[in-house]
Amino acid sequence: MRYPDLSEYRYPRLPRPIPSVLNVGWLDDGDYLHGEVPAHFLVKLAELISREPVNQMRHIDPCPICGEEGIRASNAGTELFLGTAEVWVPSPEGIHVYAAPDLVWHFVDQHGYLPPHGFVEAVMNVSTTSDWSGERLREVLVAELYRPLPKE
């Protein structure tokens, strides 16, 4: 699935996008920004991915860039099995949430993908010990999409 960075989050089974959630890292080929991320970015991202998988799936997505499947990664003692879930990260100002496939870690590490600055900032600033839950938020937002709209 390819969604432009910072576009509204959508998923094939959802009736409409979720405007407060922004897509990051939904790549399908080599057409993306390349660059450097801060030194501890991959460590923090690995912690977030391992802490709480969001929208966990029953299948494994391969890397759309290199085709590798069943990607296992280790970063600063955190073991990752990528291609099965998303990671949701709140923006520092609390206005948006960024949603990325967990493969975003592989895209940055192996393919030089440079995520948008806001996502990098969010990952670097989020507390890995807070009780914030991307999965809980996703469940609430998806449920709201299926509520009947008020009659005018």
C-alpha atoms as a PDB file:
ATOM      1  CA  MET A   1       0.000   0.000   0.000  1.00  0.00           C
ATOM      2  CA  ARG A   2       1.347   3.384  -0.929  1.00  0.00           C
ATOM      3  CA  TYR A   3       0.124   6.510   0.822  1.00  0.00           C
ATOM      4  CA  PRO A   4       1.917   9.847   0.528  1.00  0.00           C
ATOM      5  CA  ASP A   5       3.678  11.040   3.658  1.00  0.00           C
ATOM      6  CA  LEU A   6       1.453  13.260   5.814  1.00  0.00           C
ATOM      7  CA  SER A   7      -1.753  12.300   3.973  1.00  0.00           C
ATOM      8  CA  GLU A   8      -4.827  11.431   6.049  1.00  0.00           C
ATOM      9  CA  TYR A   9      -4.753   7.899   7.427  1.00  0.00           C
ATOM     10  CA  ARG A  10      -6.906   5.479   5.540  1.00  0.00           C
ATOM     11  CA  TYR A  11      -7.147   1.738   5.478  1.00  0.00           C
ATOM     12  CA  PRO A  12      -8.937  -0.382   2.862  1.00  0.00           C
ATOM     13  CA  ARG A  13     -11.697  -1.484   5.259  1.00  0.00           C
ATOM     14  CA  LEU A  14     -12.425   1.983   6.666  1.00  0.00           C
ATOM     15  CA  PRO A  15     -15.361   3.958   5.247  1.00  0.00           C
ATOM     16  CA  ARG A  16     -13.362   7.216   5.175  1.00  0.00           C
ATOM     17  CA  PRO A  17      -9.982   8.638   6.248  1.00  0.00           C
ATOM     18  CA  ILE A  18      -9.147   9.645   9.818  1.00  0.00           C
ATOM     19  CA  PRO A  19      -7.994  13.280   9.436  1.00  0.00           C
ATOM     20  CA  SER A  20      -6.217  13.577  12.804  1.00  0.00           C
ATOM     21  CA  VAL A  21      -3.938  10.643  11.925  1.00  0.00           C
ATOM     22  CA  LEU A  22      -1.237  11.175   9.303  1.00  0.00           C
ATOM     23  CA  ASN A  23       0.474   8.535   7.163  1.00  0.00           C
ATOM     24  CA  VAL A  24       4.244   8.156   7.248  1.00  0.00           C
ATOM     25  CA  GLY A  25       6.432   5.598   5.512  1.00  0.00           C
ATOM     26  CA  TRP A  26       3.872   3.719   3.421  1.00  0.00           C
ATOM     27  CA  LEU A  27       6.389   3.149   0.612  1.00  0.00           C
ATOM     28  CA  ASP A  28       6.175   0.953  -2.447  1.00  0.00           C
ATOM     29  CA  ASP A  29       9.419   1.548  -4.321  1.00  0.00           C
ATOM     30  CA  GLY A  30      12.575   3.649  -4.314  1.00  0.00           C
ATOM     31  CA  ASP A  31      10.776   6.977  -4.891  1.00  0.00           C
ATOM     32  CA  TYR A  32      11.103   8.582  -1.441  1.00  0.00           C
ATOM     33  CA  LEU A  33      13.250  11.100   0.397  1.00  0.00           C
ATOM     34  CA  HIS A  34      16.698   9.886   1.426  1.00  0.00           C
ATOM     35  CA  GLY A  35      18.710  11.315   4.283  1.00  0.00           C
ATOM     36  CA  GLU A  36      20.063  11.033   7.792  1.00  0.00           C
ATOM     37  CA  VAL A  37      18.057  10.755  11.006  1.00  0.00           C
ATOM     38  CA  PRO A  38      19.293  11.677  14.511  1.00  0.00           C
ATOM     39  CA  ALA A  39      21.641   9.205  16.163  1.00  0.00           C
ATOM     40  CA  HIS A  40      19.132   7.650  18.584  1.00  0.00           C
ATOM     41  CA  PHE A  41      16.123   7.715  16.255  1.00  0.00           C
ATOM     42  CA  LEU A  42      16.242   3.979  15.403  1.00  0.00           C
ATOM     43  CA  VAL A  43      16.660   3.051  19.074  1.00  0.00           C
ATOM     44  CA  LYS A  44      13.570   5.060  20.057  1.00  0.00           C
ATOM     45  CA  LEU A  45      11.577   3.790  17.078  1.00  0.00           C
ATOM     46  CA  ALA A  46      12.477   0.182  17.938  1.00  0.00           C
ATOM     47  CA  GLU A  47      11.275   0.742  21.509  1.00  0.00           C
ATOM     48  CA  LEU A  48       7.955   2.128  20.255  1.00  0.00           C
ATOM     49  CA  ILE A  49       7.429  -0.696  17.758  1.00  0.00           C
ATOM     50  CA  SER A  50       8.170  -3.390  20.323  1.00  0.00           C
ATOM     51  CA  ARG A  51       6.131  -1.687  23.069  1.00  0.00           C
ATOM     52  CA  GLU A  52       2.788  -1.712  21.312  1.00  0.00           C
ATOM     53  CA  PRO A  53       1.975  -3.085  17.876  1.00  0.00           C
ATOM     54  CA  VAL A  54      -1.011  -1.246  16.406  1.00  0.00           C
ATOM     55  CA  ASN A  55      -3.439  -2.872  13.956  1.00  0.00           C
ATOM     56  CA  GLN A  56      -1.619  -6.209  14.255  1.00  0.00           C
ATOM     57  CA  MET A  57      -2.181  -8.419  11.193  1.00  0.00           C
ATOM     58  CA  ARG A  58      -2.218 -12.158  10.631  1.00  0.00           C
ATOM     59  CA  HIS A  59       0.113 -11.983   7.673  1.00  0.00           C
ATOM     60  CA  ILE A  60       3.624 -10.697   7.057  1.00  0.00           C
ATOM     61  CA  ASP A  61       4.236  -7.917   4.559  1.00  0.00           C
ATOM     62  CA  PRO A  62       7.545  -8.098   2.691  1.00  0.00           C
ATOM     63  CA  CYS A  63       9.645  -5.009   2.140  1.00  0.00           C
ATOM     64  CA  PRO A  64       8.214  -3.343  -0.988  1.00  0.00           C
ATOM     65  CA  ILE A  65      11.658  -1.993  -1.871  1.00  0.00           C
ATOM     66  CA  CYS A  66      13.943  -5.048  -1.625  1.00  0.00           C
ATOM     67  CA  GLY A  67      11.380  -7.870  -1.320  1.00  0.00           C
ATOM     68  CA  GLU A  68      12.841  -9.265   1.909  1.00  0.00           C
ATOM     69  CA  GLU A  69      10.248 -11.172   3.969  1.00  0.00           C
ATOM     70  CA  GLY A  70      10.097 -12.018   7.651  1.00  0.00           C
ATOM     71  CA  ILE A  71      12.456  -9.203   8.540  1.00  0.00           C
ATOM     72  CA  ARG A  72      14.038  -9.557  11.952  1.00  0.00           C
ATOM     73  CA  ALA A  73      16.009  -6.685  13.359  1.00  0.00           C
ATOM     74  CA  SER A  74      17.872  -5.984  16.558  1.00  0.00           C
ATOM     75  CA  ASN A  75      18.539  -2.510  17.855  1.00  0.00           C
ATOM     76  CA  ALA A  76      20.104  -1.691  21.218  1.00  0.00           C
ATOM     77  CA  GLY A  77      18.840  -4.980  22.668  1.00  0.00           C
ATOM     78  CA  THR A  78      15.327  -4.653  21.239  1.00  0.00           C
ATOM     79  CA  GLU A  79      14.355  -7.536  18.950  1.00  0.00           C
ATOM     80  CA  LEU A  80      11.888  -6.717  16.174  1.00  0.00           C
ATOM     81  CA  PHE A  81       9.902  -8.872  13.769  1.00  0.00           C
ATOM     82  CA  LEU A  82       8.727  -6.457  11.105  1.00  0.00           C
ATOM     83  CA  GLY A  83       5.933  -6.458   8.558  1.00  0.00           C
ATOM     84  CA  THR A  84       3.034  -7.382  10.834  1.00  0.00           C
ATOM     85  CA  ALA A  85       1.758  -4.157  12.398  1.00  0.00           C
ATOM     86  CA  GLU A  86       1.810  -0.379  12.548  1.00  0.00           C
ATOM     87  CA  VAL A  87       3.359   2.058  14.985  1.00  0.00           C
ATOM     88  CA  TRP A  88       1.370   5.144  16.039  1.00  0.00           C
ATOM     89  CA  VAL A  89       3.222   8.106  17.530  1.00  0.00           C
ATOM     90  CA  PRO A  90       1.583  11.254  18.962  1.00  0.00           C
ATOM     91  CA  SER A  91       2.930  14.597  17.784  1.00  0.00           C
ATOM     92  CA  PRO A  92       4.657  16.607  20.540  1.00  0.00           C
ATOM     93  CA  GLU A  93       1.929  19.268  20.454  1.00  0.00           C
ATOM     94  CA  GLY A  94      -0.821  16.632  20.606  1.00  0.00           C
ATOM     95  CA  ILE A  95      -2.570  17.781  17.430  1.00  0.00           C
ATOM     96  CA  HIS A  96      -1.830  14.785  15.206  1.00  0.00           C
ATOM     97  CA  VAL A  97      -0.854  11.165  15.460  1.00  0.00           C
ATOM     98  CA  TYR A  98       1.518   9.647  12.926  1.00  0.00           C
ATOM     99  CA  ALA A  99       0.773   6.130  11.641  1.00  0.00           C
ATOM    100  CA  ALA A 100       3.516   4.104   9.986  1.00  0.00           C
ATOM    101  CA  PRO A 101       4.001   0.460   9.080  1.00  0.00           C
ATOM    102  CA  ASP A 102       6.479  -1.156  11.456  1.00  0.00           C
ATOM    103  CA  LEU A 103       8.620  -1.703   8.351  1.00  0.00           C
ATOM    104  CA  VAL A 104       9.491   2.000   8.597  1.00  0.00           C
ATOM    105  CA  TRP A 105      12.370   0.924  10.863  1.00  0.00           C
ATOM    106  CA  HIS A 106      13.781  -1.231   8.017  1.00  0.00           C
ATOM    107  CA  PHE A 107      13.176   1.538   5.452  1.00  0.00           C
ATOM    108  CA  VAL A 108      15.265   3.981   7.480  1.00  0.00           C
ATOM    109  CA  ASP A 109      17.958   1.477   8.493  1.00  0.00           C
ATOM    110  CA  GLN A 110      18.456  -0.373   5.215  1.00  0.00           C
ATOM    111  CA  HIS A 111      17.176   1.957   2.500  1.00  0.00           C
ATOM    112  CA  GLY A 112      18.033   5.440   3.801  1.00  0.00           C
ATOM    113  CA  TYR A 113      14.410   6.616   3.937  1.00  0.00           C
ATOM    114  CA  LEU A 114      14.077  10.025   5.572  1.00  0.00           C
ATOM    115  CA  PRO A 115      10.681  10.342   7.289  1.00  0.00           C
ATOM    116  CA  PRO A 116       9.055  13.779   7.579  1.00  0.00           C
ATOM    117  CA  HIS A 117      10.575  16.044  10.216  1.00  0.00           C
ATOM    118  CA  GLY A 118       7.393  15.996  12.351  1.00  0.00           C
ATOM    119  CA  PHE A 119       7.491  12.215  12.631  1.00  0.00           C
ATOM    120  CA  VAL A 120      11.188  12.204  13.516  1.00  0.00           C
ATOM    121  CA  GLU A 121      10.543  14.874  16.151  1.00  0.00           C
ATOM    122  CA  ALA A 122       7.565  12.913  17.536  1.00  0.00           C
ATOM    123  CA  VAL A 123       9.599   9.696  17.843  1.00  0.00           C
ATOM    124  CA  MET A 124      12.489  11.515  19.501  1.00  0.00           C
ATOM    125  CA  ASN A 125      10.211  13.268  22.028  1.00  0.00           C
ATOM    126  CA  VAL A 126       7.609  10.650  22.953  1.00  0.00           C
ATOM    127  CA  SER A 127       7.933   8.974  26.328  1.00  0.00           C
ATOM    128  CA  THR A 128       8.334   5.218  26.080  1.00  0.00           C
ATOM    129  CA  THR A 129       7.072   4.860  29.645  1.00  0.00           C
ATOM    130  CA  SER A 130       3.783   6.787  29.342  1.00  0.00           C
ATOM    131  CA  ASP A 131       0.446   4.990  29.292  1.00  0.00           C
ATOM    132  CA  TRP A 132      -0.478   6.505  25.902  1.00  0.00           C
ATOM    133  CA  SER A 133      -1.829   3.768  23.634  1.00  0.00           C
ATOM    134  CA  GLY A 134      -1.924   3.971  19.857  1.00  0.00           C
ATOM    135  CA  GLU A 135      -3.999   0.780  19.657  1.00  0.00           C
ATOM    136  CA  ARG A 136      -6.575   2.114  22.108  1.00  0.00           C
ATOM    137  CA  LEU A 137      -6.807   5.387  20.160  1.00  0.00           C
ATOM    138  CA  ARG A 138      -7.142   3.514  16.874  1.00  0.00           C
ATOM    139  CA  GLU A 139     -10.012   1.433  18.257  1.00  0.00           C
ATOM    140  CA  VAL A 140     -11.850   4.583  19.402  1.00  0.00           C
ATOM    141  CA  LEU A 141     -11.312   6.442  16.126  1.00  0.00           C
ATOM    142  CA  VAL A 142     -12.375   3.476  13.986  1.00  0.00           C
ATOM    143  CA  ALA A 143     -15.511   2.973  16.103  1.00  0.00           C
ATOM    144  CA  GLU A 144     -16.387   6.654  15.559  1.00  0.00           C
ATOM    145  CA  LEU A 145     -16.172   6.165  11.794  1.00  0.00           C
ATOM    146  CA  TYR A 146     -18.998   3.627  11.968  1.00  0.00           C
ATOM    147  CA  ARG A 147     -21.339   5.701  14.146  1.00  0.00           C
ATOM    148  CA  PRO A 148     -24.326   7.054  12.229  1.00  0.00           C
ATOM    149  CA  LEU A 149     -23.910  10.702  11.305  1.00  0.00           C
ATOM    150  CA  PRO A 150     -26.340  13.061  13.096  1.00  0.00           C
ATOM    151  CA  LYS A 151     -29.418  13.998  11.103  1.00  0.00           C
ATOM    152  CA  GLU A 152     -29.771  17.649  10.243  1.00  0.00           C
END
